[in-house]
Amino acid sequence: MHRFGSRLSLAWARGKIAHIEHLLPDRGSIIDIGSGRGVVTAVLRDRGYAATPLDVRDRSVEPALAPVLYDGGAIPFPDRTFDCALLLTVLHHTPEPDAVLREAARVARRLIVIEDVYTNAVQKHLTFFTDSLFNLEFRGHPHSNRTDAEWRKAFVDLGLELEAATVRERRVLLFYRQVAYGLIRSQ
């Protein structure tokens, strides 16, 4: 067993990183926003990145992975501190995803976002149910999921530009769709 958690957690983290590997910088500093247990941060550190976990509460699997805590509003770092910000299946858990994106764009030169998207009402409700079940969040979950088109519009409205050839889609559980977005500030 790896020192950073269970084999299942490691497989999950490696799968997330495989989904965005083509978007990651070759090296540098990364802020893992909504780091959860910190397993993605751990894998990135093992690969040589200077990865900083950030979250609204500490659910880390070991002290070395404890996140910088914040209130979900202003990220407590100066402008452009990081080469890259990761928001991996985080935004739909926040009541104001655009505010989180704005802050991520302030502290990082580029952003990588993975989000669960839907294309119809049935898929939307199945996504909500599955996400609540997987995360054991049945009360207070904002379900800020959007369609791919809605995320793309939000990015444009926030002055973020989709980098060329950076969107990948994969199906999870036959109906569950995730899209990875690589973004840079267009301003």
N, C-alpha and C. Protein backbone atom coordinates (compact mmCIF):
# COMPACT_ATOMS: atom_id res chain seq x y z
N MET A 1 0.84 -1.19 0.00
CA MET A 1 0.00 0.00 0.00
C MET A 1 0.88 1.25 0.00
N HIS A 2 0.56 2.20 -0.83
CA HIS A 2 1.26 3.47 -0.93
C HIS A 2 1.05 4.28 0.33
N ARG A 3 2.02 5.08 0.70
CA ARG A 3 1.93 5.82 1.96
C ARG A 3 0.86 6.91 1.95
N PHE A 4 0.30 7.25 0.80
CA PHE A 4 -0.67 8.33 0.73
C PHE A 4 -2.12 7.87 0.75
N GLY A 5 -2.38 6.65 1.06
CA GLY A 5 -3.78 6.23 1.13
C GLY A 5 -4.01 4.89 0.50
N SER A 6 -5.23 4.55 0.38
CA SER A 6 -5.60 3.25 -0.14
C SER A 6 -5.29 3.14 -1.63
N ARG A 7 -5.26 1.92 -2.08
CA ARG A 7 -5.03 1.67 -3.51
C ARG A 7 -6.14 2.29 -4.35
N LEU A 8 -7.36 2.25 -3.85
CA LEU A 8 -8.49 2.83 -4.56
C LEU A 8 -8.32 4.34 -4.71
N SER A 9 -7.91 5.01 -3.64
CA SER A 9 -7.68 6.46 -3.69
C SER A 9 -6.58 6.81 -4.67
N LEU A 10 -5.52 6.02 -4.64
CA LEU A 10 -4.41 6.25 -5.58
C LEU A 10 -4.85 6.03 -7.02
N ALA A 11 -5.61 4.98 -7.26
CA ALA A 11 -6.10 4.72 -8.62
C ALA A 11 -6.98 5.86 -9.09
N TRP A 12 -7.84 6.36 -8.20
CA TRP A 12 -8.70 7.50 -8.53
C TRP A 12 -7.85 8.71 -8.90
N ALA A 13 -6.85 9.03 -8.06
CA ALA A 13 -6.00 10.21 -8.29
C ALA A 13 -5.22 10.06 -9.59
N ARG A 14 -4.66 8.89 -9.82
CA ARG A 14 -3.90 8.68 -11.06
C ARG A 14 -4.81 8.77 -12.28
N GLY A 15 -6.05 8.31 -12.15
CA GLY A 15 -7.01 8.44 -13.25
C GLY A 15 -7.32 9.89 -13.57
N LYS A 16 -7.50 10.69 -12.52
CA LYS A 16 -7.73 12.13 -12.72
C LYS A 16 -6.54 12.77 -13.42
N ILE A 17 -5.34 12.44 -12.95
CA ILE A 17 -4.14 13.03 -13.55
C ILE A 17 -3.97 12.56 -14.99
N ALA A 18 -4.27 11.30 -15.27
CA ALA A 18 -4.19 10.81 -16.65
C ALA A 18 -5.14 11.58 -17.56
N HIS A 19 -6.29 11.96 -17.03
CA HIS A 19 -7.29 12.71 -17.79
C HIS A 19 -6.79 14.11 -18.16
N ILE A 20 -5.88 14.67 -17.35
CA ILE A 20 -5.42 16.05 -17.58
C ILE A 20 -3.93 16.14 -17.91
N GLU A 21 -3.27 15.01 -18.00
CA GLU A 21 -1.81 15.01 -18.17
C GLU A 21 -1.35 15.87 -19.34
N HIS A 22 -2.09 15.82 -20.42
CA HIS A 22 -1.72 16.60 -21.61
C HIS A 22 -1.87 18.11 -21.37
N LEU A 23 -2.54 18.50 -20.29
CA LEU A 23 -2.73 19.92 -19.97
C LEU A 23 -1.75 20.43 -18.92
N LEU A 24 -1.13 19.53 -18.18
CA LEU A 24 -0.22 19.93 -17.11
C LEU A 24 1.05 20.57 -17.66
N PRO A 25 1.59 21.57 -16.96
CA PRO A 25 2.89 22.09 -17.35
C PRO A 25 3.96 21.02 -17.12
N ASP A 26 5.09 21.13 -17.78
CA ASP A 26 6.17 20.15 -17.61
C ASP A 26 6.68 20.11 -16.18
N ARG A 27 6.69 21.24 -15.52
CA ARG A 27 7.12 21.35 -14.13
C ARG A 27 6.53 22.62 -13.58
N GLY A 28 6.76 22.87 -12.30
CA GLY A 28 6.32 24.13 -11.73
C GLY A 28 5.43 23.98 -10.52
N SER A 29 4.79 25.09 -10.18
CA SER A 29 3.96 25.15 -8.98
C SER A 29 2.49 24.99 -9.35
N ILE A 30 1.80 24.19 -8.56
CA ILE A 30 0.39 23.90 -8.79
C ILE A 30 -0.36 24.09 -7.49
N ILE A 31 -1.51 24.75 -7.56
CA ILE A 31 -2.42 24.81 -6.42
C ILE A 31 -3.59 23.87 -6.73
N ASP A 32 -3.81 22.94 -5.82
CA ASP A 32 -4.88 21.94 -5.96
C ASP A 32 -6.07 22.43 -5.15
N ILE A 33 -6.97 23.14 -5.82
CA ILE A 33 -8.11 23.77 -5.15
C ILE A 33 -9.21 22.74 -4.94
N GLY A 34 -9.64 22.61 -3.69
CA GLY A 34 -10.60 21.56 -3.34
C GLY A 34 -9.90 20.22 -3.27
N SER A 35 -8.77 20.20 -2.58
CA SER A 35 -7.87 19.04 -2.58
C SER A 35 -8.40 17.81 -1.86
N GLY A 36 -9.45 17.96 -1.07
CA GLY A 36 -10.03 16.79 -0.41
C GLY A 36 -9.02 16.05 0.44
N ARG A 37 -8.87 14.77 0.19
CA ARG A 37 -7.95 13.93 0.97
C ARG A 37 -6.48 14.21 0.65
N GLY A 38 -6.23 14.93 -0.43
CA GLY A 38 -4.85 15.30 -0.76
C GLY A 38 -4.11 14.29 -1.61
N VAL A 39 -4.81 13.30 -2.12
CA VAL A 39 -4.13 12.24 -2.85
C VAL A 39 -3.62 12.73 -4.20
N VAL A 40 -4.37 13.60 -4.89
CA VAL A 40 -3.87 14.17 -6.15
C VAL A 40 -2.62 15.01 -5.86
N THR A 41 -2.65 15.79 -4.80
CA THR A 41 -1.48 16.58 -4.40
C THR A 41 -0.28 15.66 -4.19
N ALA A 42 -0.49 14.55 -3.49
CA ALA A 42 0.60 13.61 -3.22
C ALA A 42 1.20 13.04 -4.50
N VAL A 43 0.34 12.64 -5.43
CA VAL A 43 0.83 12.07 -6.69
C VAL A 43 1.60 13.14 -7.47
N LEU A 44 1.10 14.36 -7.49
CA LEU A 44 1.81 15.45 -8.18
C LEU A 44 3.17 15.71 -7.54
N ARG A 45 3.23 15.71 -6.22
CA ARG A 45 4.52 15.89 -5.54
C ARG A 45 5.48 14.76 -5.87
N ASP A 46 4.96 13.53 -5.92
CA ASP A 46 5.80 12.39 -6.30
C ASP A 46 6.37 12.56 -7.70
N ARG A 47 5.67 13.30 -8.56
CA ARG A 47 6.13 13.55 -9.93
C ARG A 47 7.01 14.79 -10.03
N GLY A 48 7.30 15.43 -8.91
CA GLY A 48 8.22 16.56 -8.91
C GLY A 48 7.60 17.94 -8.94
N TYR A 49 6.28 18.02 -8.90
CA TYR A 49 5.62 19.33 -8.88
C TYR A 49 5.65 19.90 -7.46
N ALA A 50 5.70 21.21 -7.38
CA ALA A 50 5.52 21.91 -6.11
C ALA A 50 4.02 22.13 -5.96
N ALA A 51 3.34 21.17 -5.36
CA ALA A 51 1.88 21.18 -5.28
C ALA A 51 1.42 21.63 -3.89
N THR A 52 0.51 22.58 -3.88
CA THR A 52 -0.06 23.12 -2.64
C THR A 52 -1.54 22.79 -2.58
N PRO A 53 -1.97 22.03 -1.57
CA PRO A 53 -3.40 21.74 -1.42
C PRO A 53 -4.13 22.92 -0.78
N LEU A 54 -5.36 23.16 -1.23
CA LEU A 54 -6.22 24.22 -0.69
C LEU A 54 -7.63 23.67 -0.56
N ASP A 55 -8.26 23.90 0.58
CA ASP A 55 -9.63 23.42 0.75
C ASP A 55 -10.31 24.20 1.86
N VAL A 56 -11.61 24.00 1.98
CA VAL A 56 -12.39 24.68 3.02
C VAL A 56 -12.37 23.91 4.34
N ARG A 57 -11.92 22.66 4.31
CA ARG A 57 -11.73 21.89 5.54
C ARG A 57 -10.64 20.85 5.30
N ASP A 58 -10.08 20.38 6.39
CA ASP A 58 -8.98 19.42 6.31
C ASP A 58 -9.52 17.99 6.36
N ARG A 59 -9.41 17.30 5.22
CA ARG A 59 -9.77 15.89 5.15
C ARG A 59 -8.58 15.07 4.67
N SER A 60 -7.39 15.61 4.87
CA SER A 60 -6.17 14.99 4.34
C SER A 60 -5.90 13.64 5.01
N VAL A 61 -5.23 12.78 4.26
CA VAL A 61 -4.94 11.43 4.76
C VAL A 61 -3.69 11.38 5.61
N GLU A 62 -2.89 12.44 5.60
CA GLU A 62 -1.73 12.52 6.47
C GLU A 62 -1.31 13.98 6.63
N PRO A 63 -0.60 14.29 7.71
CA PRO A 63 -0.28 15.70 8.00
C PRO A 63 0.46 16.43 6.88
N ALA A 64 1.32 15.76 6.15
CA ALA A 64 2.08 16.43 5.08
C ALA A 64 1.17 16.91 3.95
N LEU A 65 -0.06 16.39 3.91
CA LEU A 65 -1.00 16.76 2.86
C LEU A 65 -2.09 17.70 3.35
N ALA A 66 -1.96 18.17 4.58
CA ALA A 66 -2.97 19.09 5.14
C ALA A 66 -3.05 20.33 4.25
N PRO A 67 -4.26 20.73 3.89
CA PRO A 67 -4.40 21.87 2.99
C PRO A 67 -4.25 23.20 3.70
N VAL A 68 -3.93 24.21 2.91
CA VAL A 68 -4.11 25.58 3.36
C VAL A 68 -5.62 25.75 3.42
N LEU A 69 -6.12 26.18 4.56
CA LEU A 69 -7.57 26.33 4.72
C LEU A 69 -8.00 27.73 4.32
N TYR A 70 -9.17 27.81 3.70
CA TYR A 70 -9.73 29.12 3.35
C TYR A 70 -11.24 29.04 3.43
N ASP A 71 -11.89 30.17 3.32
CA ASP A 71 -13.34 30.24 3.54
C ASP A 71 -14.17 29.99 2.28
N GLY A 72 -13.54 29.61 1.20
CA GLY A 72 -14.24 29.39 -0.06
C GLY A 72 -14.39 30.66 -0.88
N GLY A 73 -13.91 31.78 -0.34
CA GLY A 73 -13.96 33.07 -1.03
C GLY A 73 -12.59 33.42 -1.59
N ALA A 74 -11.95 34.37 -0.96
CA ALA A 74 -10.63 34.83 -1.42
C ALA A 74 -9.57 33.78 -1.13
N ILE A 75 -8.83 33.38 -2.17
CA ILE A 75 -7.73 32.44 -2.00
C ILE A 75 -6.56 33.20 -1.39
N PRO A 76 -6.00 32.71 -0.28
CA PRO A 76 -5.00 33.47 0.48
C PRO A 76 -3.58 33.43 -0.10
N PHE A 77 -3.46 33.80 -1.37
CA PHE A 77 -2.16 33.90 -2.03
C PHE A 77 -2.18 35.12 -2.93
N PRO A 78 -1.00 35.72 -3.16
CA PRO A 78 -0.93 36.87 -4.07
C PRO A 78 -1.24 36.47 -5.52
N ASP A 79 -1.51 37.47 -6.33
CA ASP A 79 -1.76 37.28 -7.76
C ASP A 79 -0.63 36.49 -8.41
N ARG A 80 -1.01 35.58 -9.28
CA ARG A 80 -0.08 34.79 -10.10
C ARG A 80 1.02 34.10 -9.31
N THR A 81 0.67 33.58 -8.16
CA THR A 81 1.62 32.82 -7.34
C THR A 81 1.97 31.49 -7.98
N PHE A 82 1.02 30.88 -8.67
CA PHE A 82 1.18 29.51 -9.16
C PHE A 82 1.21 29.47 -10.68
N ASP A 83 1.92 28.47 -11.20
CA ASP A 83 1.92 28.24 -12.64
C ASP A 83 0.57 27.70 -13.10
N CYS A 84 -0.07 26.91 -12.24
CA CYS A 84 -1.29 26.22 -12.64
C CYS A 84 -2.21 26.02 -11.43
N ALA A 85 -3.50 26.14 -11.66
CA ALA A 85 -4.51 25.82 -10.64
C ALA A 85 -5.33 24.64 -11.13
N LEU A 86 -5.50 23.65 -10.27
CA LEU A 86 -6.35 22.50 -10.58
C LEU A 86 -7.66 22.64 -9.84
N LEU A 87 -8.75 22.41 -10.55
CA LEU A 87 -10.09 22.35 -9.95
C LEU A 87 -10.73 21.08 -10.51
N LEU A 88 -10.43 19.97 -9.88
CA LEU A 88 -10.82 18.67 -10.41
C LEU A 88 -12.11 18.19 -9.74
N THR A 89 -13.19 18.27 -10.47
CA THR A 89 -14.54 17.93 -10.01
C THR A 89 -14.86 18.62 -8.69
N VAL A 90 -14.58 19.92 -8.66
CA VAL A 90 -14.76 20.74 -7.45
C VAL A 90 -15.88 21.76 -7.62
N LEU A 91 -15.96 22.39 -8.77
CA LEU A 91 -16.83 23.56 -8.93
C LEU A 91 -18.30 23.26 -8.68
N HIS A 92 -18.76 22.07 -9.04
CA HIS A 92 -20.18 21.77 -8.81
C HIS A 92 -20.50 21.57 -7.33
N HIS A 93 -19.49 21.53 -6.48
CA HIS A 93 -19.69 21.45 -5.03
C HIS A 93 -19.74 22.84 -4.39
N THR A 94 -19.55 23.88 -5.17
CA THR A 94 -19.51 25.24 -4.62
C THR A 94 -20.78 26.00 -4.99
N PRO A 95 -21.28 26.83 -4.07
CA PRO A 95 -22.48 27.59 -4.40
C PRO A 95 -22.23 28.68 -5.44
N GLU A 96 -20.98 29.15 -5.56
CA GLU A 96 -20.65 30.20 -6.52
C GLU A 96 -19.41 29.81 -7.33
N PRO A 97 -19.58 28.89 -8.29
CA PRO A 97 -18.42 28.42 -9.04
C PRO A 97 -17.69 29.52 -9.81
N ASP A 98 -18.40 30.53 -10.29
CA ASP A 98 -17.73 31.60 -11.04
C ASP A 98 -16.79 32.39 -10.13
N ALA A 99 -17.16 32.59 -8.89
CA ALA A 99 -16.29 33.30 -7.94
C ALA A 99 -15.03 32.48 -7.67
N VAL A 100 -15.16 31.17 -7.56
CA VAL A 100 -14.00 30.30 -7.34
C VAL A 100 -13.09 30.34 -8.56
N LEU A 101 -13.68 30.27 -9.75
CA LEU A 101 -12.89 30.36 -10.99
C LEU A 101 -12.15 31.69 -11.08
N ARG A 102 -12.82 32.77 -10.73
CA ARG A 102 -12.21 34.10 -10.78
C ARG A 102 -10.98 34.15 -9.86
N GLU A 103 -11.12 33.61 -8.66
CA GLU A 103 -10.01 33.59 -7.72
C GLU A 103 -8.88 32.69 -8.21
N ALA A 104 -9.22 31.54 -8.77
CA ALA A 104 -8.20 30.64 -9.31
C ALA A 104 -7.42 31.33 -10.43
N ALA A 105 -8.13 32.06 -11.29
CA ALA A 105 -7.47 32.78 -12.38
C ALA A 105 -6.60 33.91 -11.85
N ARG A 106 -6.93 34.44 -10.70
CA ARG A 106 -6.12 35.50 -10.10
C ARG A 106 -4.79 34.95 -9.59
N VAL A 107 -4.80 33.77 -8.97
CA VAL A 107 -3.58 33.25 -8.34
C VAL A 107 -2.75 32.35 -9.25
N ALA A 108 -3.27 31.99 -10.43
CA ALA A 108 -2.54 31.07 -11.31
C ALA A 108 -2.53 31.58 -12.75
N ARG A 109 -1.48 31.21 -13.47
CA ARG A 109 -1.34 31.62 -14.86
C ARG A 109 -2.26 30.83 -15.79
N ARG A 110 -2.52 29.59 -15.42
CA ARG A 110 -3.42 28.75 -16.21
C ARG A 110 -4.26 27.90 -15.27
N LEU A 111 -5.37 27.42 -15.76
CA LEU A 111 -6.29 26.61 -14.97
C LEU A 111 -6.58 25.31 -15.69
N ILE A 112 -6.74 24.27 -14.91
CA ILE A 112 -7.22 23.00 -15.44
C ILE A 112 -8.45 22.62 -14.62
N VAL A 113 -9.54 22.44 -15.32
CA VAL A 113 -10.83 22.16 -14.68
C VAL A 113 -11.36 20.84 -15.23
N ILE A 114 -11.78 19.96 -14.34
CA ILE A 114 -12.59 18.80 -14.76
C ILE A 114 -13.95 18.99 -14.12
N GLU A 115 -14.99 18.89 -14.92
CA GLU A 115 -16.34 19.02 -14.39
C GLU A 115 -17.27 17.96 -14.97
N ASP A 116 -18.21 17.55 -14.13
CA ASP A 116 -19.27 16.66 -14.56
C ASP A 116 -20.28 17.50 -15.33
N VAL A 117 -20.58 17.10 -16.55
CA VAL A 117 -21.53 17.85 -17.38
C VAL A 117 -22.67 16.92 -17.78
N TYR A 118 -23.74 17.52 -18.22
CA TYR A 118 -24.91 16.75 -18.65
C TYR A 118 -25.44 17.35 -19.95
N THR A 119 -26.23 16.55 -20.67
CA THR A 119 -26.80 17.04 -21.93
C THR A 119 -28.32 17.04 -21.94
N ASN A 120 -28.94 16.42 -20.93
CA ASN A 120 -30.40 16.39 -20.88
C ASN A 120 -30.86 16.28 -19.43
N ALA A 121 -32.16 16.42 -19.21
CA ALA A 121 -32.71 16.44 -17.85
C ALA A 121 -32.49 15.13 -17.11
N VAL A 122 -32.64 14.01 -17.79
CA VAL A 122 -32.44 12.71 -17.14
C VAL A 122 -30.99 12.57 -16.69
N GLN A 123 -30.07 12.89 -17.59
CA GLN A 123 -28.65 12.81 -17.25
C GLN A 123 -28.30 13.77 -16.11
N LYS A 124 -28.92 14.94 -16.10
CA LYS A 124 -28.68 15.91 -15.03
C LYS A 124 -29.06 15.31 -13.68
N HIS A 125 -30.23 14.72 -13.58
CA HIS A 125 -30.68 14.15 -12.31
C HIS A 125 -29.87 12.92 -11.91
N LEU A 126 -29.50 12.10 -12.88
CA LEU A 126 -28.63 10.95 -12.58
C LEU A 126 -27.26 11.42 -12.09
N THR A 127 -26.75 12.48 -12.69
CA THR A 127 -25.47 13.05 -12.25
C THR A 127 -25.58 13.56 -10.82
N PHE A 128 -26.64 14.29 -10.52
CA PHE A 128 -26.86 14.79 -9.16
C PHE A 128 -26.92 13.64 -8.16
N PHE A 129 -27.71 12.62 -8.48
CA PHE A 129 -27.88 11.49 -7.58
C PHE A 129 -26.57 10.76 -7.36
N THR A 130 -25.88 10.44 -8.45
CA THR A 130 -24.62 9.70 -8.35
C THR A 130 -23.58 10.48 -7.57
N ASP A 131 -23.48 11.77 -7.83
CA ASP A 131 -22.51 12.59 -7.12
C ASP A 131 -22.83 12.66 -5.63
N SER A 132 -24.09 12.82 -5.29
CA SER A 132 -24.49 12.84 -3.87
C SER A 132 -24.17 11.51 -3.20
N LEU A 133 -24.46 10.42 -3.88
CA LEU A 133 -24.19 9.09 -3.33
C LEU A 133 -22.70 8.85 -3.16
N PHE A 134 -21.92 9.15 -4.19
CA PHE A 134 -20.47 8.93 -4.15
C PHE A 134 -19.81 9.74 -3.04
N ASN A 135 -20.26 10.98 -2.86
CA ASN A 135 -19.65 11.88 -1.87
C ASN A 135 -20.36 11.87 -0.52
N LEU A 136 -21.44 11.09 -0.42
CA LEU A 136 -22.25 11.03 0.81
C LEU A 136 -22.67 12.43 1.24
N GLU A 137 -23.09 13.22 0.26
CA GLU A 137 -23.57 14.59 0.50
C GLU A 137 -25.01 14.67 0.03
N PHE A 138 -25.93 14.56 0.96
CA PHE A 138 -27.34 14.58 0.59
C PHE A 138 -28.03 15.88 0.97
N ARG A 139 -27.44 16.62 1.88
CA ARG A 139 -28.00 17.91 2.28
C ARG A 139 -26.95 18.99 2.06
N GLY A 140 -27.40 20.10 1.54
CA GLY A 140 -26.50 21.23 1.38
C GLY A 140 -25.60 21.18 0.16
N HIS A 141 -25.70 20.15 -0.66
CA HIS A 141 -24.88 20.07 -1.87
C HIS A 141 -25.50 21.01 -2.91
N PRO A 142 -24.76 22.01 -3.38
CA PRO A 142 -25.36 22.98 -4.31
C PRO A 142 -25.64 22.44 -5.71
N HIS A 143 -25.02 21.34 -6.10
CA HIS A 143 -25.19 20.78 -7.45
C HIS A 143 -25.10 21.88 -8.50
N SER A 144 -23.98 22.54 -8.54
CA SER A 144 -23.76 23.64 -9.49
C SER A 144 -23.27 23.12 -10.84
N ASN A 145 -23.69 21.91 -11.20
CA ASN A 145 -23.31 21.33 -12.49
C ASN A 145 -23.89 22.17 -13.62
N ARG A 146 -23.22 22.10 -14.76
CA ARG A 146 -23.66 22.83 -15.95
C ARG A 146 -23.46 21.94 -17.17
N THR A 147 -24.03 22.37 -18.25
CA THR A 147 -23.74 21.73 -19.53
C THR A 147 -22.36 22.21 -19.99
N ASP A 148 -21.81 21.53 -20.97
CA ASP A 148 -20.53 21.96 -21.54
C ASP A 148 -20.65 23.38 -22.07
N ALA A 149 -21.73 23.67 -22.78
CA ALA A 149 -21.93 25.02 -23.34
C ALA A 149 -22.01 26.07 -22.23
N GLU A 150 -22.65 25.75 -21.13
CA GLU A 150 -22.75 26.70 -20.01
C GLU A 150 -21.38 26.96 -19.37
N TRP A 151 -20.56 25.90 -19.23
CA TRP A 151 -19.20 26.12 -18.70
C TRP A 151 -18.39 26.98 -19.66
N ARG A 152 -18.47 26.69 -20.95
CA ARG A 152 -17.71 27.48 -21.93
C ARG A 152 -18.12 28.95 -21.90
N LYS A 153 -19.41 29.22 -21.77
CA LYS A 153 -19.88 30.60 -21.68
C LYS A 153 -19.34 31.26 -20.41
N ALA A 154 -19.37 30.54 -19.30
CA ALA A 154 -18.84 31.09 -18.04
C ALA A 154 -17.36 31.43 -18.18
N PHE A 155 -16.60 30.57 -18.83
CA PHE A 155 -15.17 30.84 -19.03
C PHE A 155 -14.97 32.13 -19.82
N VAL A 156 -15.70 32.28 -20.91
CA VAL A 156 -15.61 33.49 -21.73
C VAL A 156 -15.99 34.71 -20.90
N ASP A 157 -17.10 34.62 -20.17
CA ASP A 157 -17.57 35.74 -19.34
C ASP A 157 -16.53 36.14 -18.30
N LEU A 158 -15.72 35.19 -17.85
CA LEU A 158 -14.69 35.46 -16.84
C LEU A 158 -13.34 35.84 -17.45
N GLY A 159 -13.29 35.97 -18.77
CA GLY A 159 -12.04 36.34 -19.43
C GLY A 159 -11.05 35.19 -19.52
N LEU A 160 -11.55 33.96 -19.54
CA LEU A 160 -10.70 32.78 -19.67
C LEU A 160 -10.83 32.23 -21.07
N GLU A 161 -9.71 31.81 -21.60
CA GLU A 161 -9.67 31.30 -22.97
C GLU A 161 -9.33 29.82 -22.96
N LEU A 162 -10.11 29.04 -23.69
CA LEU A 162 -9.84 27.61 -23.82
C LEU A 162 -8.62 27.44 -24.71
N GLU A 163 -7.60 26.74 -24.21
CA GLU A 163 -6.41 26.49 -25.02
C GLU A 163 -6.75 25.50 -26.12
N ALA A 164 -6.04 25.59 -27.21
CA ALA A 164 -6.29 24.71 -28.35
C ALA A 164 -6.11 23.24 -27.96
N ALA A 165 -7.00 22.40 -28.44
CA ALA A 165 -6.91 20.94 -28.30
C ALA A 165 -6.73 20.48 -26.86
N THR A 166 -7.45 21.12 -25.94
CA THR A 166 -7.29 20.75 -24.54
C THR A 166 -8.54 20.15 -23.91
N VAL A 167 -9.58 19.98 -24.68
CA VAL A 167 -10.80 19.43 -24.11
C VAL A 167 -10.85 17.94 -24.42
N ARG A 168 -11.00 17.15 -23.39
CA ARG A 168 -11.19 15.71 -23.53
C ARG A 168 -12.43 15.31 -22.77
N GLU A 169 -13.13 14.39 -23.30
CA GLU A 169 -14.35 13.91 -22.65
C GLU A 169 -14.23 12.42 -22.42
N ARG A 170 -14.76 11.96 -21.31
CA ARG A 170 -14.84 10.52 -21.10
C ARG A 170 -16.15 10.20 -20.41
N ARG A 171 -16.65 9.04 -20.65
CA ARG A 171 -17.91 8.62 -20.03
C ARG A 171 -17.58 7.80 -18.79
N VAL A 172 -18.30 8.09 -17.73
CA VAL A 172 -18.15 7.38 -16.47
C VAL A 172 -19.51 6.77 -16.13
N LEU A 173 -19.54 5.49 -15.81
CA LEU A 173 -20.79 4.79 -15.47
C LEU A 173 -21.85 4.89 -16.57
N LEU A 174 -21.45 4.92 -17.80
CA LEU A 174 -22.29 4.93 -18.99
C LEU A 174 -23.07 6.21 -19.23
N PHE A 175 -23.42 6.97 -18.21
CA PHE A 175 -24.18 8.21 -18.42
C PHE A 175 -23.46 9.43 -17.87
N TYR A 176 -22.48 9.23 -17.07
CA TYR A 176 -21.79 10.28 -16.33
C TYR A 176 -20.70 10.84 -17.22
N ARG A 177 -20.75 12.11 -17.53
CA ARG A 177 -19.78 12.70 -18.44
C ARG A 177 -18.90 13.69 -17.72
N GLN A 178 -17.61 13.62 -17.98
CA GLN A 178 -16.67 14.59 -17.45
C GLN A 178 -15.89 15.20 -18.61
N VAL A 179 -15.66 16.49 -18.51
CA VAL A 179 -14.89 17.20 -19.52
C VAL A 179 -13.73 17.88 -18.81
N ALA A 180 -12.54 17.79 -19.41
CA ALA A 180 -11.36 18.49 -18.89
C ALA A 180 -11.14 19.73 -19.74
N TYR A 181 -10.96 20.86 -19.08
CA TYR A 181 -10.74 22.13 -19.76
C TYR A 181 -9.38 22.68 -19.35
N GLY A 182 -8.58 23.10 -20.32
CA GLY A 182 -7.34 23.81 -20.05
C GLY A 182 -7.56 25.27 -20.41
N LEU A 183 -7.35 26.16 -19.45
CA LEU A 183 -7.71 27.56 -19.63
C LEU A 183 -6.55 28.49 -19.32
N ILE A 184 -6.51 29.60 -20.03
CA ILE A 184 -5.57 30.67 -19.73
C ILE A 184 -6.35 31.98 -19.68
N ARG A 185 -5.78 32.95 -19.03
CA ARG A 185 -6.42 34.27 -18.98
C ARG A 185 -6.30 34.93 -20.34
N SER A 186 -7.39 35.42 -20.87
CA SER A 186 -7.35 36.06 -22.19
C SER A 186 -7.12 37.56 -22.07
N GLN A 187 -7.08 38.08 -20.86
CA GLN A 187 -6.90 39.52 -20.67
C GLN A 187 -5.47 39.85 -20.29
